[in-house]
Every structure is written in C-alpha cells, then in structure tokens.
Amino acid sequence: MEIKTPLKDDVLERLRAGDRVFICGIIYTARDAAHARLFELLEKGEETPFPLEGQVIYYTGPAPAKAGWVIGSAGPTTSYRMDPYTPMLLKHGLKGMIGKGARSEEVKEAIRKYRAVYFAAVGGAAALISRSIKKAEIIAYPDLGTEAVRKIEVVNFPAIVINDIYGNDLYEEGVRAYQRLEF
C-alpha cells in the first residue's frame, strides 16, 4: 500500500499492524540528541524546526553521501532510545515514526492515545533504503553531524506497520504465533 505524507486520519485508520507500506513525500530524520533538543523546545513552549503536525520522523543518522549520491547509507536505528521523548512529540502532532525494535508500553499507549503509527524499516538494508531518498537537506542542528535533523523526500520508502492506532503490536502478535507452533 502506498501512503503519502503528511499522514492524515483516514490513512491512519486504514493501517493495521503487519501492513507493508511504501511511504512517499517528506519525512524528517532525527536521532537521540536531536530528540532531546526537540523535547526541550516543546517543554519551553517554543517552535520546533519543522511542524510536527502529521509528520513522520525516521530514526537514522545517514552516512555521508558518496559523489553523485543524494545521501549515504541510511539504515534505521534502535527506536527505544527515543522513547523518553516520543510521547511529547506525539502530543504535539507527530503521526509516524520509523525505526527498528520494540517500543515501551508508555510509547505504545501514546501511539493509541494520539492516533499515530510506528513503522519498522529493515535493519541491514540501509543501502537499499537510501535509494528511496530523492532529496535531503539539513534543516536543524548541523553541529550534530550525521545526527542533524534532515528533511528528506522519499519515494516508495519500504516499511512495515508495527504499532497501529488500535493498539495492535506486530512484535507481540509474532511472539504469540510462534508460541502456538508445535515442534
């Protein structure tokens, strides 16, 4: 299923844990240090470097681009490191996150409460994922190097819905399915 950013409620309502999607549009990159700064801005009631409403953040710190490339290798990083900041970002309108690994119960509850989704990108496929990125520009925190916030334009960015607005969790469903297997 192809979905476009910014994410709208009608799209979020159609997504279910386990759905494979191709994301098209503008998304933003941010990792640990950038999340801490975004969180601090929101706590102070200040504006973030990009509007959060309906947006998607990809947890990546891309490698430097080779000559002729838009961006270097851009694989997902482990999402739980953003968990302390995520509920606040969701409260302010963030609707999607892309990373790898499970989320905390607090984040999963915030995903349900604020009607957002968490997508997984395949770890180890960073070079392939990079081909989906058509434009990239640093828009905030250049002092963070590879972890600076980037605005990226993606076409057919592959991802899987892990947590949906209904409280479903693909990781938990997978464990239950495995436990039912007889060996």
N, C-alpha and C. Protein backbone atom coordinates (compact mmCIF):
# COMPACT_ATOMS: atom_id res chain seq x y z
N MET A 1 0.85 -1.17 0.00
CA MET A 1 0.00 0.00 0.00
C MET A 1 0.89 1.23 0.00
N GLU A 2 0.61 2.17 -0.85
CA GLU A 2 1.35 3.43 -0.88
C GLU A 2 0.65 4.44 0.01
N ILE A 3 1.41 5.12 0.87
CA ILE A 3 0.86 6.18 1.70
C ILE A 3 1.69 7.44 1.50
N LYS A 4 1.04 8.58 1.63
CA LYS A 4 1.70 9.87 1.41
C LYS A 4 1.74 10.66 2.71
N THR A 5 2.82 11.43 2.84
CA THR A 5 2.95 12.32 3.99
C THR A 5 2.55 13.72 3.56
N PRO A 6 2.11 14.55 4.51
CA PRO A 6 1.89 14.24 5.92
C PRO A 6 0.74 13.25 6.08
N LEU A 7 0.78 12.48 7.16
CA LEU A 7 -0.24 11.46 7.40
C LEU A 7 -1.54 12.09 7.88
N LYS A 8 -2.61 11.63 7.31
CA LYS A 8 -3.96 12.10 7.65
C LYS A 8 -4.71 11.01 8.40
N ASP A 9 -5.74 11.39 9.13
CA ASP A 9 -6.51 10.43 9.92
C ASP A 9 -7.07 9.28 9.09
N ASP A 10 -7.57 9.57 7.89
CA ASP A 10 -8.17 8.50 7.09
C ASP A 10 -7.14 7.43 6.71
N VAL A 11 -5.90 7.83 6.52
CA VAL A 11 -4.84 6.86 6.22
C VAL A 11 -4.51 6.06 7.48
N LEU A 12 -4.37 6.74 8.59
CA LEU A 12 -4.04 6.07 9.85
C LEU A 12 -5.11 5.04 10.22
N GLU A 13 -6.37 5.36 9.94
CA GLU A 13 -7.47 4.46 10.26
C GLU A 13 -7.44 3.18 9.42
N ARG A 14 -6.83 3.23 8.24
CA ARG A 14 -6.74 2.04 7.37
C ARG A 14 -5.56 1.15 7.69
N LEU A 15 -4.57 1.69 8.37
CA LEU A 15 -3.35 0.92 8.64
C LEU A 15 -3.53 -0.03 9.81
N ARG A 16 -2.98 -1.25 9.65
CA ARG A 16 -3.01 -2.26 10.70
C ARG A 16 -1.61 -2.83 10.88
N ALA A 17 -1.31 -3.23 12.10
CA ALA A 17 -0.03 -3.89 12.36
C ALA A 17 0.14 -5.04 11.38
N GLY A 18 1.31 -5.09 10.76
CA GLY A 18 1.60 -6.12 9.77
C GLY A 18 1.49 -5.64 8.34
N ASP A 19 0.83 -4.51 8.12
CA ASP A 19 0.72 -3.97 6.75
C ASP A 19 2.09 -3.54 6.24
N ARG A 20 2.36 -3.88 5.00
CA ARG A 20 3.57 -3.39 4.34
C ARG A 20 3.18 -2.15 3.55
N VAL A 21 3.98 -1.11 3.70
CA VAL A 21 3.66 0.16 3.04
C VAL A 21 4.89 0.69 2.29
N PHE A 22 4.60 1.59 1.36
CA PHE A 22 5.62 2.37 0.69
C PHE A 22 5.27 3.83 0.97
N ILE A 23 6.16 4.53 1.65
CA ILE A 23 5.91 5.91 2.05
C ILE A 23 6.46 6.84 0.98
N CYS A 24 5.66 7.83 0.61
CA CYS A 24 6.07 8.84 -0.36
C CYS A 24 5.82 10.22 0.24
N GLY A 25 6.74 11.14 -0.01
CA GLY A 25 6.58 12.51 0.48
C GLY A 25 7.77 12.95 1.30
N ILE A 26 7.52 13.91 2.17
CA ILE A 26 8.56 14.47 3.02
C ILE A 26 8.52 13.79 4.38
N ILE A 27 9.68 13.33 4.86
CA ILE A 27 9.83 12.86 6.23
C ILE A 27 11.08 13.53 6.79
N TYR A 28 11.26 13.42 8.09
CA TYR A 28 12.39 14.06 8.76
C TYR A 28 13.22 13.02 9.47
N THR A 29 14.52 13.25 9.54
CA THR A 29 15.40 12.35 10.28
C THR A 29 15.74 12.99 11.62
N ALA A 30 15.81 12.17 12.64
CA ALA A 30 16.24 12.64 13.97
C ALA A 30 16.58 11.43 14.82
N ARG A 31 17.66 11.58 15.56
CA ARG A 31 18.07 10.54 16.50
C ARG A 31 18.07 11.10 17.91
N ASP A 32 18.79 10.44 18.80
CA ASP A 32 18.76 10.73 20.24
C ASP A 32 18.99 12.20 20.58
N ALA A 33 20.11 12.74 20.15
CA ALA A 33 20.48 14.11 20.53
C ALA A 33 19.48 15.12 19.97
N ALA A 34 19.04 14.92 18.75
CA ALA A 34 18.04 15.83 18.15
C ALA A 34 16.72 15.72 18.89
N HIS A 35 16.33 14.51 19.28
CA HIS A 35 15.10 14.35 20.04
C HIS A 35 15.16 15.10 21.37
N ALA A 36 16.30 15.05 22.03
CA ALA A 36 16.44 15.76 23.29
C ALA A 36 16.23 17.26 23.08
N ARG A 37 16.76 17.78 21.99
CA ARG A 37 16.60 19.21 21.70
C ARG A 37 15.16 19.56 21.33
N LEU A 38 14.51 18.71 20.54
CA LEU A 38 13.10 18.95 20.19
C LEU A 38 12.23 18.93 21.45
N PHE A 39 12.48 17.97 22.32
CA PHE A 39 11.75 17.84 23.58
C PHE A 39 11.91 19.10 24.42
N GLU A 40 13.13 19.58 24.51
CA GLU A 40 13.41 20.79 25.29
C GLU A 40 12.65 21.99 24.74
N LEU A 41 12.62 22.13 23.42
CA LEU A 41 11.86 23.22 22.81
C LEU A 41 10.38 23.14 23.18
N LEU A 42 9.82 21.95 23.07
CA LEU A 42 8.39 21.77 23.39
C LEU A 42 8.11 22.05 24.85
N GLU A 43 9.00 21.63 25.74
CA GLU A 43 8.83 21.92 27.17
C GLU A 43 8.81 23.41 27.44
N LYS A 44 9.58 24.17 26.67
CA LYS A 44 9.64 25.63 26.84
C LYS A 44 8.52 26.34 26.09
N GLY A 45 7.71 25.59 25.33
CA GLY A 45 6.64 26.20 24.54
C GLY A 45 7.14 26.87 23.28
N GLU A 46 8.32 26.49 22.83
CA GLU A 46 8.91 27.10 21.64
C GLU A 46 8.62 26.25 20.39
N GLU A 47 8.83 26.86 19.23
CA GLU A 47 8.60 26.19 17.95
C GLU A 47 9.72 25.19 17.66
N THR A 48 9.34 24.08 17.04
CA THR A 48 10.33 23.11 16.57
C THR A 48 10.80 23.51 15.18
N PRO A 49 11.94 22.99 14.72
CA PRO A 49 12.49 23.40 13.42
C PRO A 49 11.63 22.98 12.22
N PHE A 50 10.68 22.10 12.44
CA PHE A 50 9.72 21.72 11.41
C PHE A 50 8.39 21.46 12.11
N PRO A 51 7.29 21.66 11.40
CA PRO A 51 5.99 21.44 12.04
C PRO A 51 5.78 19.95 12.30
N LEU A 52 5.35 19.60 13.50
CA LEU A 52 5.16 18.19 13.85
C LEU A 52 3.84 17.62 13.33
N GLU A 53 2.86 18.46 13.14
CA GLU A 53 1.51 18.00 12.77
C GLU A 53 1.51 17.12 11.52
N GLY A 54 1.13 15.86 11.71
CA GLY A 54 1.01 14.92 10.60
C GLY A 54 2.31 14.35 10.08
N GLN A 55 3.42 14.72 10.69
CA GLN A 55 4.73 14.36 10.15
C GLN A 55 5.22 12.99 10.62
N VAL A 56 6.26 12.53 9.92
CA VAL A 56 6.91 11.25 10.20
C VAL A 56 8.39 11.53 10.46
N ILE A 57 8.92 10.93 11.53
CA ILE A 57 10.36 11.02 11.82
C ILE A 57 10.97 9.65 11.60
N TYR A 58 12.07 9.64 10.85
CA TYR A 58 12.84 8.42 10.61
C TYR A 58 14.06 8.46 11.51
N TYR A 59 14.21 7.45 12.35
CA TYR A 59 15.32 7.36 13.28
C TYR A 59 16.55 6.85 12.54
N THR A 60 17.30 7.78 11.98
CA THR A 60 18.52 7.42 11.26
C THR A 60 19.53 8.54 11.37
N GLY A 61 20.77 8.19 11.23
CA GLY A 61 21.87 9.14 11.12
C GLY A 61 22.66 8.72 9.89
N PRO A 62 22.27 9.20 8.73
CA PRO A 62 22.87 8.69 7.49
C PRO A 62 24.37 8.95 7.38
N ALA A 63 25.01 8.03 6.70
CA ALA A 63 26.43 8.19 6.40
C ALA A 63 26.59 9.32 5.38
N PRO A 64 27.76 9.91 5.29
CA PRO A 64 27.98 10.94 4.27
C PRO A 64 27.73 10.38 2.86
N ALA A 65 27.20 11.23 2.01
CA ALA A 65 26.89 10.81 0.64
C ALA A 65 28.16 10.67 -0.19
N LYS A 66 28.20 9.65 -1.00
CA LYS A 66 29.29 9.49 -1.96
C LYS A 66 29.03 10.46 -3.11
N ALA A 67 30.05 10.75 -3.88
CA ALA A 67 29.90 11.66 -5.02
C ALA A 67 28.76 11.19 -5.92
N GLY A 68 27.86 12.11 -6.23
CA GLY A 68 26.74 11.80 -7.11
C GLY A 68 25.53 11.21 -6.41
N TRP A 69 25.62 10.95 -5.12
CA TRP A 69 24.51 10.39 -4.37
C TRP A 69 23.82 11.50 -3.57
N VAL A 70 22.53 11.34 -3.33
CA VAL A 70 21.76 12.29 -2.53
C VAL A 70 22.12 12.16 -1.05
N ILE A 71 22.33 10.92 -0.63
CA ILE A 71 22.57 10.63 0.79
C ILE A 71 23.37 9.34 0.87
N GLY A 72 24.06 9.15 1.97
CA GLY A 72 24.78 7.90 2.17
C GLY A 72 23.85 6.83 2.71
N SER A 73 24.42 5.75 3.14
CA SER A 73 23.66 4.66 3.73
C SER A 73 22.81 5.21 4.87
N ALA A 74 21.53 4.84 4.88
CA ALA A 74 20.59 5.43 5.85
C ALA A 74 19.70 4.37 6.46
N GLY A 75 20.29 3.52 7.29
CA GLY A 75 19.51 2.46 7.93
C GLY A 75 18.88 2.95 9.22
N PRO A 76 17.87 2.22 9.69
CA PRO A 76 17.18 2.61 10.93
C PRO A 76 18.03 2.35 12.16
N THR A 77 17.84 3.16 13.18
CA THR A 77 18.50 2.92 14.45
C THR A 77 17.46 2.40 15.45
N THR A 78 17.93 1.90 16.55
CA THR A 78 17.07 1.30 17.57
C THR A 78 16.16 2.37 18.19
N SER A 79 14.88 2.11 18.12
CA SER A 79 13.88 3.12 18.47
C SER A 79 13.74 3.41 19.96
N TYR A 80 14.00 2.43 20.81
CA TYR A 80 13.74 2.65 22.23
C TYR A 80 14.54 3.82 22.79
N ARG A 81 15.64 4.20 22.12
CA ARG A 81 16.42 5.33 22.62
C ARG A 81 15.65 6.64 22.50
N MET A 82 14.62 6.69 21.65
CA MET A 82 13.80 7.88 21.51
C MET A 82 12.57 7.84 22.41
N ASP A 83 12.35 6.72 23.10
CA ASP A 83 11.14 6.55 23.90
C ASP A 83 10.92 7.64 24.96
N PRO A 84 11.96 8.14 25.65
CA PRO A 84 11.69 9.18 26.65
C PRO A 84 11.08 10.46 26.06
N TYR A 85 11.29 10.70 24.78
CA TYR A 85 10.84 11.93 24.14
C TYR A 85 9.57 11.76 23.31
N THR A 86 9.27 10.54 22.93
CA THR A 86 8.21 10.29 21.95
C THR A 86 6.82 10.72 22.39
N PRO A 87 6.36 10.42 23.60
CA PRO A 87 5.00 10.85 23.96
C PRO A 87 4.79 12.36 23.79
N MET A 88 5.78 13.16 24.15
CA MET A 88 5.65 14.62 23.99
C MET A 88 5.53 15.00 22.51
N LEU A 89 6.31 14.38 21.64
CA LEU A 89 6.23 14.68 20.21
C LEU A 89 4.88 14.26 19.65
N LEU A 90 4.38 13.11 20.08
CA LEU A 90 3.06 12.66 19.63
C LEU A 90 1.97 13.61 20.10
N LYS A 91 2.08 14.08 21.32
CA LYS A 91 1.11 15.03 21.87
C LYS A 91 1.04 16.29 21.00
N HIS A 92 2.17 16.66 20.41
CA HIS A 92 2.22 17.87 19.58
C HIS A 92 2.00 17.60 18.10
N GLY A 93 1.49 16.41 17.76
CA GLY A 93 1.04 16.18 16.39
C GLY A 93 1.82 15.22 15.54
N LEU A 94 2.97 14.72 16.00
CA LEU A 94 3.71 13.74 15.23
C LEU A 94 2.81 12.54 14.99
N LYS A 95 2.77 12.01 13.77
CA LYS A 95 1.88 10.90 13.44
C LYS A 95 2.58 9.62 13.03
N GLY A 96 3.87 9.66 12.79
CA GLY A 96 4.56 8.44 12.40
C GLY A 96 6.01 8.47 12.80
N MET A 97 6.54 7.29 13.09
CA MET A 97 7.94 7.10 13.42
C MET A 97 8.41 5.87 12.69
N ILE A 98 9.66 5.90 12.23
CA ILE A 98 10.26 4.75 11.54
C ILE A 98 11.56 4.42 12.25
N GLY A 99 11.71 3.17 12.62
CA GLY A 99 12.94 2.73 13.28
C GLY A 99 13.03 1.23 13.26
N LYS A 100 13.69 0.68 14.27
CA LYS A 100 13.73 -0.77 14.42
C LYS A 100 13.63 -1.11 15.90
N GLY A 101 13.03 -2.25 16.19
CA GLY A 101 12.89 -2.71 17.56
C GLY A 101 11.60 -2.27 18.21
N ALA A 102 11.30 -2.91 19.32
CA ALA A 102 10.04 -2.68 20.05
C ALA A 102 10.07 -1.34 20.80
N ARG A 103 8.86 -0.87 21.12
CA ARG A 103 8.68 0.37 21.86
C ARG A 103 8.21 0.06 23.27
N SER A 104 8.39 1.02 24.17
CA SER A 104 7.97 0.86 25.56
C SER A 104 6.44 0.91 25.65
N GLU A 105 5.92 0.43 26.78
CA GLU A 105 4.47 0.47 27.00
C GLU A 105 3.98 1.92 26.98
N GLU A 106 4.76 2.84 27.55
CA GLU A 106 4.37 4.25 27.57
C GLU A 106 4.24 4.80 26.15
N VAL A 107 5.15 4.44 25.28
CA VAL A 107 5.08 4.90 23.89
C VAL A 107 3.90 4.26 23.17
N LYS A 108 3.69 2.97 23.40
CA LYS A 108 2.56 2.30 22.73
C LYS A 108 1.23 2.91 23.17
N GLU A 109 1.13 3.26 24.45
CA GLU A 109 -0.08 3.92 24.94
C GLU A 109 -0.24 5.29 24.27
N ALA A 110 0.84 6.04 24.14
CA ALA A 110 0.78 7.36 23.49
C ALA A 110 0.42 7.22 22.01
N ILE A 111 0.90 6.16 21.36
CA ILE A 111 0.54 5.92 19.96
C ILE A 111 -0.97 5.74 19.84
N ARG A 112 -1.55 4.98 20.76
CA ARG A 112 -3.02 4.80 20.75
C ARG A 112 -3.72 6.12 21.07
N LYS A 113 -3.29 6.77 22.12
CA LYS A 113 -3.95 7.99 22.60
C LYS A 113 -3.94 9.10 21.55
N TYR A 114 -2.79 9.28 20.89
CA TYR A 114 -2.66 10.39 19.94
C TYR A 114 -2.83 9.95 18.49
N ARG A 115 -3.23 8.68 18.29
CA ARG A 115 -3.56 8.14 16.98
C ARG A 115 -2.41 8.32 15.98
N ALA A 116 -1.36 7.56 16.24
CA ALA A 116 -0.16 7.60 15.41
C ALA A 116 0.21 6.15 15.05
N VAL A 117 1.27 6.00 14.28
CA VAL A 117 1.75 4.66 13.92
C VAL A 117 3.27 4.61 14.05
N TYR A 118 3.74 3.40 14.33
CA TYR A 118 5.17 3.13 14.37
C TYR A 118 5.46 2.12 13.28
N PHE A 119 6.38 2.48 12.41
CA PHE A 119 6.80 1.62 11.32
C PHE A 119 8.19 1.08 11.60
N ALA A 120 8.48 -0.11 11.09
CA ALA A 120 9.83 -0.64 11.12
C ALA A 120 10.39 -0.60 9.72
N ALA A 121 11.65 -0.22 9.64
CA ALA A 121 12.40 -0.35 8.39
C ALA A 121 13.36 -1.50 8.62
N VAL A 122 13.72 -2.16 7.57
CA VAL A 122 14.56 -3.35 7.71
C VAL A 122 16.00 -2.96 8.00
N GLY A 123 16.47 -3.38 9.17
CA GLY A 123 17.87 -3.18 9.51
C GLY A 123 18.74 -4.02 8.57
N GLY A 124 19.89 -3.51 8.18
CA GLY A 124 20.75 -4.24 7.27
C GLY A 124 20.48 -3.94 5.80
N ALA A 125 19.44 -3.16 5.55
CA ALA A 125 19.09 -2.81 4.17
C ALA A 125 19.30 -1.33 3.91
N ALA A 126 20.26 -0.74 4.61
CA ALA A 126 20.47 0.71 4.56
C ALA A 126 20.75 1.23 3.16
N ALA A 127 21.56 0.52 2.39
CA ALA A 127 21.87 0.98 1.03
C ALA A 127 20.62 0.94 0.16
N LEU A 128 19.82 -0.11 0.32
CA LEU A 128 18.57 -0.22 -0.44
C LEU A 128 17.60 0.89 -0.06
N ILE A 129 17.46 1.13 1.22
CA ILE A 129 16.57 2.19 1.70
C ILE A 129 17.02 3.54 1.15
N SER A 130 18.31 3.76 1.08
CA SER A 130 18.83 5.04 0.59
C SER A 130 18.37 5.35 -0.82
N ARG A 131 18.12 4.32 -1.61
CA ARG A 131 17.64 4.54 -2.98
C ARG A 131 16.26 5.18 -3.01
N SER A 132 15.50 5.05 -1.93
CA SER A 132 14.17 5.66 -1.84
C SER A 132 14.25 7.15 -1.55
N ILE A 133 15.40 7.63 -1.13
CA ILE A 133 15.57 9.03 -0.73
C ILE A 133 16.02 9.83 -1.95
N LYS A 134 15.16 10.76 -2.38
CA LYS A 134 15.41 11.51 -3.61
C LYS A 134 16.02 12.89 -3.36
N LYS A 135 15.80 13.46 -2.20
CA LYS A 135 16.37 14.75 -1.82
C LYS A 135 16.64 14.72 -0.32
N ALA A 136 17.67 15.44 0.09
CA ALA A 136 17.99 15.53 1.52
C ALA A 136 18.67 16.86 1.80
N GLU A 137 18.22 17.51 2.88
CA GLU A 137 18.87 18.75 3.31
C GLU A 137 18.83 18.85 4.82
N ILE A 138 19.92 19.32 5.39
CA ILE A 138 19.97 19.55 6.84
C ILE A 138 19.15 20.80 7.14
N ILE A 139 18.21 20.67 8.09
CA ILE A 139 17.38 21.83 8.43
C ILE A 139 17.58 22.29 9.88
N ALA A 140 18.25 21.46 10.70
CA ALA A 140 18.47 21.87 12.09
C ALA A 140 19.62 21.08 12.70
N TYR A 141 20.29 21.70 13.64
CA TYR A 141 21.34 21.09 14.44
C TYR A 141 22.49 20.51 13.63
N PRO A 142 23.07 21.30 12.73
CA PRO A 142 24.19 20.79 11.93
C PRO A 142 25.39 20.38 12.79
N ASP A 143 25.48 20.94 14.01
CA ASP A 143 26.57 20.57 14.90
C ASP A 143 26.51 19.10 15.33
N LEU A 144 25.39 18.44 15.09
CA LEU A 144 25.25 17.02 15.45
C LEU A 144 25.80 16.09 14.37
N GLY A 145 26.33 16.66 13.30
CA GLY A 145 26.92 15.83 12.24
C GLY A 145 25.90 14.93 11.58
N THR A 146 26.17 13.63 11.56
CA THR A 146 25.24 12.71 10.90
C THR A 146 23.89 12.66 11.59
N GLU A 147 23.83 13.10 12.84
CA GLU A 147 22.56 13.10 13.58
C GLU A 147 21.78 14.41 13.45
N ALA A 148 22.23 15.31 12.59
CA ALA A 148 21.48 16.55 12.36
C ALA A 148 20.10 16.20 11.82
N VAL A 149 19.14 17.09 12.04
CA VAL A 149 17.79 16.87 11.50
C VAL A 149 17.82 17.18 10.01
N ARG A 150 17.34 16.22 9.23
CA ARG A 150 17.25 16.38 7.78
C ARG A 150 15.81 16.32 7.34
N LYS A 151 15.51 17.10 6.33
CA LYS A 151 14.24 17.00 5.62
C LYS A 151 14.56 16.17 4.39
N ILE A 152 13.89 15.02 4.27
CA ILE A 152 14.17 14.17 3.12
C ILE A 152 12.88 13.90 2.35
N GLU A 153 13.05 13.81 1.05
CA GLU A 153 11.93 13.44 0.19
C GLU A 153 12.12 11.99 -0.19
N VAL A 154 11.09 11.18 0.06
CA VAL A 154 11.17 9.76 -0.22
C VAL A 154 10.11 9.33 -1.24
N VAL A 155 10.47 8.34 -2.02
CA VAL A 155 9.55 7.72 -2.96
C VAL A 155 9.64 6.21 -2.74
N ASN A 156 8.51 5.62 -2.42
CA ASN A 156 8.43 4.18 -2.18
C ASN A 156 9.41 3.69 -1.11
N PHE A 157 9.44 4.41 0.00
CA PHE A 157 10.25 4.02 1.15
C PHE A 157 9.56 2.82 1.79
N PRO A 158 10.23 1.64 1.83
CA PRO A 158 9.58 0.43 2.34
C PRO A 158 9.56 0.37 3.86
N ALA A 159 8.39 0.05 4.42
CA ALA A 159 8.26 -0.07 5.87
C ALA A 159 7.12 -1.02 6.21
N ILE A 160 7.10 -1.47 7.44
CA ILE A 160 6.06 -2.36 7.95
C ILE A 160 5.43 -1.71 9.17
N VAL A 161 4.11 -1.70 9.25
CA VAL A 161 3.42 -1.16 10.42
C VAL A 161 3.62 -2.12 11.58
N ILE A 162 4.19 -1.62 12.66
CA ILE A 162 4.38 -2.42 13.87
C ILE A 162 3.30 -2.11 14.89
N ASN A 163 3.09 -0.84 15.20
CA ASN A 163 2.05 -0.42 16.14
C ASN A 163 1.08 0.49 15.41
N ASP A 164 -0.21 0.17 15.53
CA ASP A 164 -1.23 0.98 14.86
C ASP A 164 -2.07 1.74 15.88
N ILE A 165 -3.01 2.53 15.40
CA ILE A 165 -3.83 3.37 16.28
C ILE A 165 -4.78 2.55 17.16
N TYR A 166 -4.94 1.28 16.83
CA TYR A 166 -5.88 0.42 17.56
C TYR A 166 -5.21 -0.36 18.70
N GLY A 167 -3.92 -0.16 18.89
CA GLY A 167 -3.22 -0.84 19.96
C GLY A 167 -2.60 -2.17 19.55
N ASN A 168 -2.67 -2.51 18.28
CA ASN A 168 -2.05 -3.75 17.81
C ASN A 168 -0.54 -3.60 17.76
N ASP A 169 0.17 -4.71 18.02
CA ASP A 169 1.63 -4.71 18.04
C ASP A 169 2.11 -5.95 17.29
N LEU A 170 2.70 -5.76 16.12
CA LEU A 170 3.15 -6.88 15.30
C LEU A 170 4.17 -7.75 16.02
N TYR A 171 5.05 -7.15 16.81
CA TYR A 171 6.05 -7.94 17.54
C TYR A 171 5.37 -8.88 18.53
N GLU A 172 4.38 -8.38 19.26
CA GLU A 172 3.67 -9.23 20.23
C GLU A 172 2.88 -10.32 19.50
N GLU A 173 2.25 -9.97 18.38
CA GLU A 173 1.50 -10.96 17.60
C GLU A 173 2.43 -12.05 17.08
N GLY A 174 3.63 -11.68 16.67
CA GLY A 174 4.60 -12.65 16.18
C GLY A 174 5.02 -13.63 17.27
N VAL A 175 5.23 -13.13 18.47
CA VAL A 175 5.61 -14.00 19.59
C VAL A 175 4.48 -14.97 19.89
N ARG A 176 3.24 -14.48 19.92
CA ARG A 176 2.09 -15.36 20.19
C ARG A 176 1.97 -16.44 19.11
N ALA A 177 2.15 -16.06 17.86
CA ALA A 177 2.06 -17.03 16.76
C ALA A 177 3.16 -18.09 16.90
N TYR A 178 4.35 -17.68 17.26
CA TYR A 178 5.46 -18.62 17.43
C TYR A 178 5.18 -19.58 18.58
N GLN A 179 4.63 -19.06 19.66
CA GLN A 179 4.35 -19.90 20.82
C GLN A 179 3.30 -20.97 20.52
N ARG A 180 2.46 -20.72 19.54
CA ARG A 180 1.42 -21.69 19.17
C ARG A 180 1.96 -22.82 18.29
N LEU A 181 3.18 -22.66 17.76
CA LEU A 181 3.75 -23.69 16.91
C LEU A 181 4.10 -24.93 17.73
N GLU A 182 3.90 -26.08 17.12
CA GLU A 182 4.29 -27.32 17.77
C GLU A 182 5.53 -27.86 17.09
N PHE A 183 6.50 -28.25 17.88
CA PHE A 183 7.75 -28.78 17.35
C PHE A 183 7.85 -30.26 17.60
